[in-house]
């Protein structure tokens, strides 16, 4: 049995009207869907009852010299780096979340180049399922990447 991904009072994981506005401003994204088997780590992360996000933003910030910002965290494996990302609040717009996360994680002034992708996932574990979405953007900066 599945539970709803977010409370009824929140915005949907994907609001097609919002996607159209983003596409008009930043380009039509590639859309892909993935069905994935969840492991115990994913179950601990995605099957929580205190859902605080409807989806995530993922952002590739590229400097004019071609460098792309990657980051790591203390609990990642030593050779693991990834694009920065962050949650979209239950009642937060995608673009607002994008700029909030960029400010929180990098502090860089950026220029949006393209809405690259909208990826949806159904994670399966036994008879249960959880869904999630990633909104992926390409941005540029003239500032030095930290």
Protein backbone atom coordinates (compact mmCIF):
# COMPACT_ATOMS: atom_id res chain seq x y z
CA UNK A 1 0.00 0.00 0.00
CA UNK A 2 1.31 3.47 -0.87
CA UNK A 3 0.73 6.67 1.00
CA UNK A 4 0.36 10.07 -0.74
CA UNK A 5 3.73 11.65 -1.45
CA UNK A 6 2.75 14.97 0.11
CA UNK A 7 -0.07 16.31 2.26
CA UNK A 8 -3.17 17.54 0.42
CA UNK A 9 -2.47 21.16 1.40
CA UNK A 10 0.82 21.29 -0.54
CA UNK A 11 1.63 21.91 -4.18
CA UNK A 12 1.85 18.80 -6.35
CA UNK A 13 5.21 17.21 -7.06
CA UNK A 14 4.80 18.38 -10.65
CA UNK A 15 2.53 21.28 -11.57
CA UNK A 16 2.28 21.23 -15.38
CA UNK A 17 1.41 24.95 -15.47
CA UNK A 18 4.57 25.74 -13.53
CA UNK A 19 6.60 23.47 -15.83
CA UNK A 20 5.26 25.34 -18.87
CA UNK A 21 6.25 28.72 -17.35
CA UNK A 22 9.75 27.39 -16.59
CA UNK A 23 10.01 25.96 -20.12
CA UNK A 24 9.01 29.27 -21.70
CA UNK A 25 11.60 31.12 -19.65
CA UNK A 26 14.46 28.58 -19.75
CA UNK A 27 13.78 25.99 -22.48
CA UNK A 28 11.82 22.79 -22.70
CA UNK A 29 13.32 20.13 -20.43
CA UNK A 30 14.06 16.55 -21.35
CA UNK A 31 11.61 14.42 -19.39
CA UNK A 32 12.45 10.93 -18.20
CA UNK A 33 10.87 8.51 -15.76
CA UNK A 34 12.70 5.82 -13.78
CA UNK A 35 11.32 2.85 -11.85
CA UNK A 36 13.90 1.84 -9.25
CA UNK A 37 14.16 -0.79 -6.56
CA UNK A 38 14.82 0.89 -3.22
CA UNK A 39 17.49 -0.36 -0.85
CA UNK A 40 17.34 0.05 2.94
CA UNK A 41 19.17 3.41 2.76
CA UNK A 42 16.54 4.74 0.34
CA UNK A 43 13.73 3.36 2.49
CA UNK A 44 15.13 5.22 5.51
CA UNK A 45 15.35 8.40 3.43
CA UNK A 46 12.17 8.32 1.29
CA UNK A 47 9.70 6.43 3.50
CA UNK A 48 9.75 9.03 6.27
CA UNK A 49 6.42 10.36 7.50
CA UNK A 50 7.75 13.91 8.00
CA UNK A 51 7.91 14.78 4.28
CA UNK A 52 9.22 18.35 3.97
CA UNK A 53 9.68 18.66 0.21
CA UNK A 54 7.67 18.04 -2.92
CA UNK A 55 10.69 17.55 -5.19
CA UNK A 56 14.28 18.82 -5.58
CA UNK A 57 16.24 21.23 -7.72
CA UNK A 58 19.60 20.12 -9.11
CA UNK A 59 21.90 22.73 -10.60
CA UNK A 60 25.01 22.71 -12.74
CA UNK A 61 26.78 26.06 -12.28
CA UNK A 62 29.39 26.61 -14.98
CA UNK A 63 32.09 29.27 -14.86
CA UNK A 64 33.02 31.09 -18.07
CA UNK A 65 36.27 29.06 -18.13
CA UNK A 66 34.21 25.85 -18.42
CA UNK A 67 34.59 24.60 -14.84
CA UNK A 68 31.43 23.14 -13.32
CA UNK A 69 30.81 23.31 -9.58
CA UNK A 70 30.66 19.94 -7.83
CA UNK A 71 30.50 19.33 -4.11
CA UNK A 72 30.97 16.60 -1.56
CA UNK A 73 29.82 16.06 2.01
CA UNK A 74 31.49 14.51 5.03
CA UNK A 75 29.33 11.36 4.87
CA UNK A 76 29.97 10.74 1.13
CA UNK A 77 32.60 8.25 0.07
CA UNK A 78 35.98 10.03 -0.36
CA UNK A 79 35.84 9.99 -4.16
CA UNK A 80 32.15 10.93 -4.45
CA UNK A 81 31.25 14.36 -5.88
CA UNK A 82 27.94 15.54 -7.28
CA UNK A 83 26.04 18.55 -8.53
CA UNK A 84 24.53 20.70 -5.79
CA UNK A 85 20.86 20.14 -5.08
CA UNK A 86 18.21 20.98 -2.55
CA UNK A 87 14.60 20.44 -1.65
CA UNK A 88 11.61 22.29 -3.00
CA UNK A 89 9.36 23.06 -0.05
CA UNK A 90 5.80 21.75 0.02
CA UNK A 91 4.35 25.16 -0.86
CA UNK A 92 7.41 26.63 -2.65
CA UNK A 93 7.78 27.33 -6.35
CA UNK A 94 10.51 25.56 -8.30
CA UNK A 95 12.31 28.76 -9.37
CA UNK A 96 12.12 30.22 -5.85
CA UNK A 97 13.64 27.00 -4.49
CA UNK A 98 16.36 27.08 -7.15
CA UNK A 99 17.54 30.57 -6.22
CA UNK A 100 17.20 29.93 -2.48
CA UNK A 101 19.32 26.78 -2.73
CA UNK A 102 21.95 28.51 -4.89
CA UNK A 103 22.21 31.30 -2.32
CA UNK A 104 22.39 28.85 0.61
CA UNK A 105 24.89 26.49 -0.98
CA UNK A 106 27.12 28.79 -3.03
CA UNK A 107 26.27 32.48 -2.60
CA UNK A 108 27.14 32.92 -6.30
CA UNK A 109 25.40 35.32 -8.68
CA UNK A 110 24.17 33.16 -11.55
CA UNK A 111 22.48 33.48 -14.93
CA UNK A 112 20.07 30.72 -15.90
CA UNK A 113 20.94 29.15 -19.24
CA UNK A 114 18.59 26.20 -19.58
CA UNK A 115 15.97 24.07 -17.87
CA UNK A 116 17.73 20.80 -18.71
CA UNK A 117 15.51 18.08 -17.38
CA UNK A 118 12.58 16.96 -15.32
CA UNK A 119 13.18 13.46 -14.00
CA UNK A 120 10.60 11.47 -12.08
CA UNK A 121 11.27 8.38 -10.02
CA UNK A 122 9.12 5.65 -8.54
CA UNK A 123 11.04 3.86 -5.81
CA UNK A 124 9.68 0.38 -5.05
CA UNK A 125 10.19 -1.60 -1.86
CA UNK A 126 8.05 -4.68 -1.37
CA UNK A 127 4.43 -3.66 -1.89
CA UNK A 128 5.14 0.03 -1.28
CA UNK A 129 6.17 2.84 -3.58
CA UNK A 130 7.37 6.42 -3.19
CA UNK A 131 7.61 8.97 -5.98
CA UNK A 132 9.98 11.90 -6.37
CA UNK A 133 11.07 14.41 -9.00
CA UNK A 134 14.26 16.32 -9.88
CA UNK A 135 14.17 19.63 -11.75
CA UNK A 136 17.62 20.08 -13.34
CA UNK A 137 19.05 23.44 -14.44
CA UNK A 138 22.21 24.74 -16.15
CA UNK A 139 23.40 28.15 -14.92
CA UNK A 140 26.50 30.24 -15.50
CA UNK A 141 28.51 32.54 -13.27
CA UNK A 142 31.30 35.04 -13.76
CA UNK A 143 32.31 34.76 -10.10
CA UNK A 144 35.13 32.52 -8.95
CA UNK A 145 33.78 29.11 -8.03
CA UNK A 146 34.67 28.43 -4.38
